[in-house]
């Protein structure tokens, strides 16, 4: 369930961020042209400046890119869990090895002479 939540969360955030672009472009163009805020005015903006159609697609593409980010986040979480599991296994194996106190002492002076 967490896997799907991450993808949905990233997609929603990307789409909401993308919505800012058309709204900002509409407001700016309405102010510049001194038009009232209405559907007729926004339709007029699109008729006079077709670039608004491209700007209007920003939520779709930013939502898709954010979705891919969510998918990659899930892959990274999965890899992290696998690494943590491996690390736990290695730590358990290390605990099975006798500690250094039970191992024979090595005289470092003798090793330095070699």
Protein backbone atom coordinates (compact mmCIF):
# COMPACT_ATOMS: atom_id res chain seq x y z
CA UNK A 1 0.00 0.00 0.00
CA UNK A 2 2.88 2.37 0.76
CA UNK A 3 4.21 1.85 -2.76
CA UNK A 4 1.03 3.20 -4.32
CA UNK A 5 0.80 6.08 -1.83
CA UNK A 6 4.24 7.34 -2.77
CA UNK A 7 3.45 7.33 -6.47
CA UNK A 8 0.08 9.02 -5.93
CA UNK A 9 1.58 11.62 -3.58
CA UNK A 10 4.34 12.55 -6.03
CA UNK A 11 1.85 12.72 -8.91
CA UNK A 12 -0.55 14.97 -7.00
CA UNK A 13 2.23 17.31 -5.89
CA UNK A 14 3.62 17.52 -9.44
CA UNK A 15 0.19 18.20 -10.88
CA UNK A 16 -0.61 20.87 -8.31
CA UNK A 17 2.74 22.53 -9.01
CA UNK A 18 1.98 22.34 -12.75
CA UNK A 19 -1.40 24.04 -12.27
CA UNK A 20 0.43 27.15 -11.07
CA UNK A 21 1.82 27.79 -14.58
CA UNK A 22 -1.44 28.14 -16.54
CA UNK A 23 -3.12 30.06 -13.72
CA UNK A 24 -0.15 32.43 -13.52
CA UNK A 25 -0.06 32.87 -17.30
CA UNK A 26 -3.80 33.57 -17.44
CA UNK A 27 -3.67 36.10 -14.61
CA UNK A 28 -0.64 37.86 -16.06
CA UNK A 29 -2.18 38.03 -19.53
CA UNK A 30 -5.54 39.20 -18.12
CA UNK A 31 -3.78 42.00 -16.23
CA UNK A 32 -1.70 43.03 -19.26
CA UNK A 33 -4.77 43.11 -21.55
CA UNK A 34 -6.99 44.63 -18.84
CA UNK A 35 -9.63 41.90 -19.16
CA UNK A 36 -11.99 40.69 -16.43
CA UNK A 37 -11.56 37.23 -14.91
CA UNK A 38 -14.13 35.07 -16.71
CA UNK A 39 -14.29 31.99 -18.92
CA UNK A 40 -14.97 34.22 -21.92
CA UNK A 41 -11.80 36.23 -21.24
CA UNK A 42 -9.70 33.07 -20.82
CA UNK A 43 -11.16 31.73 -24.05
CA UNK A 44 -10.27 35.00 -25.76
CA UNK A 45 -6.70 34.74 -24.44
CA UNK A 46 -6.38 31.27 -25.96
CA UNK A 47 -7.78 32.45 -29.29
CA UNK A 48 -5.37 35.40 -29.45
CA UNK A 49 -2.32 33.61 -28.07
CA UNK A 50 -2.12 29.85 -28.83
CA UNK A 51 0.93 29.57 -26.56
CA UNK A 52 -1.56 29.28 -23.71
CA UNK A 53 -2.49 25.79 -24.97
CA UNK A 54 1.11 24.67 -24.45
CA UNK A 55 1.26 26.30 -21.02
CA UNK A 56 -2.04 24.59 -20.12
CA UNK A 57 -0.37 21.19 -20.62
CA UNK A 58 2.14 21.83 -17.80
CA UNK A 59 0.10 20.02 -15.11
CA UNK A 60 -0.07 16.88 -17.25
CA UNK A 61 3.65 16.70 -17.95
CA UNK A 62 4.80 17.77 -14.49
CA UNK A 63 2.40 15.24 -12.97
CA UNK A 64 3.87 12.49 -15.18
CA UNK A 65 7.46 13.45 -14.37
CA UNK A 66 6.64 13.54 -10.67
CA UNK A 67 5.00 10.11 -10.99
CA UNK A 68 8.26 8.74 -12.41
CA UNK A 69 10.02 10.31 -9.44
CA UNK A 70 7.65 8.43 -7.14
CA UNK A 71 8.38 5.17 -8.94
CA UNK A 72 12.13 5.76 -8.53
CA UNK A 73 11.60 6.63 -4.87
CA UNK A 74 9.89 3.28 -4.38
CA UNK A 75 12.80 1.50 -6.08
CA UNK A 76 15.26 3.30 -3.79
CA UNK A 77 13.22 2.36 -0.70
CA UNK A 78 13.14 -1.27 -1.80
CA UNK A 79 16.89 -1.32 -2.39
CA UNK A 80 17.44 0.33 1.00
CA UNK A 81 15.33 -2.32 2.75
CA UNK A 82 17.29 -5.09 1.01
CA UNK A 83 20.58 -3.50 2.08
CA UNK A 84 19.35 -3.15 5.66
CA UNK A 85 18.34 -6.81 5.67
CA UNK A 86 21.78 -7.79 4.35
CA UNK A 87 23.47 -5.62 6.96
CA UNK A 88 21.39 -7.21 9.73
CA UNK A 89 22.36 -10.67 8.48
CA UNK A 90 26.04 -9.71 8.41
CA UNK A 91 25.83 -8.27 11.92
CA UNK A 92 24.30 -11.52 13.17
CA UNK A 93 27.14 -13.47 11.56
CA UNK A 94 29.72 -11.15 13.12
CA UNK A 95 28.25 -11.78 16.56
CA UNK A 96 28.87 -15.50 16.06
CA UNK A 97 32.61 -14.88 15.60
CA UNK A 98 34.53 -15.07 18.89
CA UNK A 99 35.42 -11.70 20.34
CA UNK A 100 39.00 -10.42 20.36
CA UNK A 101 39.37 -11.17 24.09
CA UNK A 102 39.13 -14.90 23.49
CA UNK A 103 41.53 -14.81 20.55
CA UNK A 104 45.25 -15.21 21.19
CA UNK A 105 47.13 -11.98 21.79
CA UNK A 106 49.56 -10.95 19.10
CA UNK A 107 52.70 -9.14 20.08
CA UNK A 108 52.82 -6.07 17.86
CA UNK A 109 56.56 -5.61 18.40
CA UNK A 110 57.26 -8.96 16.82
CA UNK A 111 55.03 -8.10 13.83
CA UNK A 112 56.79 -4.75 13.40
CA UNK A 113 60.17 -6.48 13.08
CA UNK A 114 58.95 -8.73 10.28
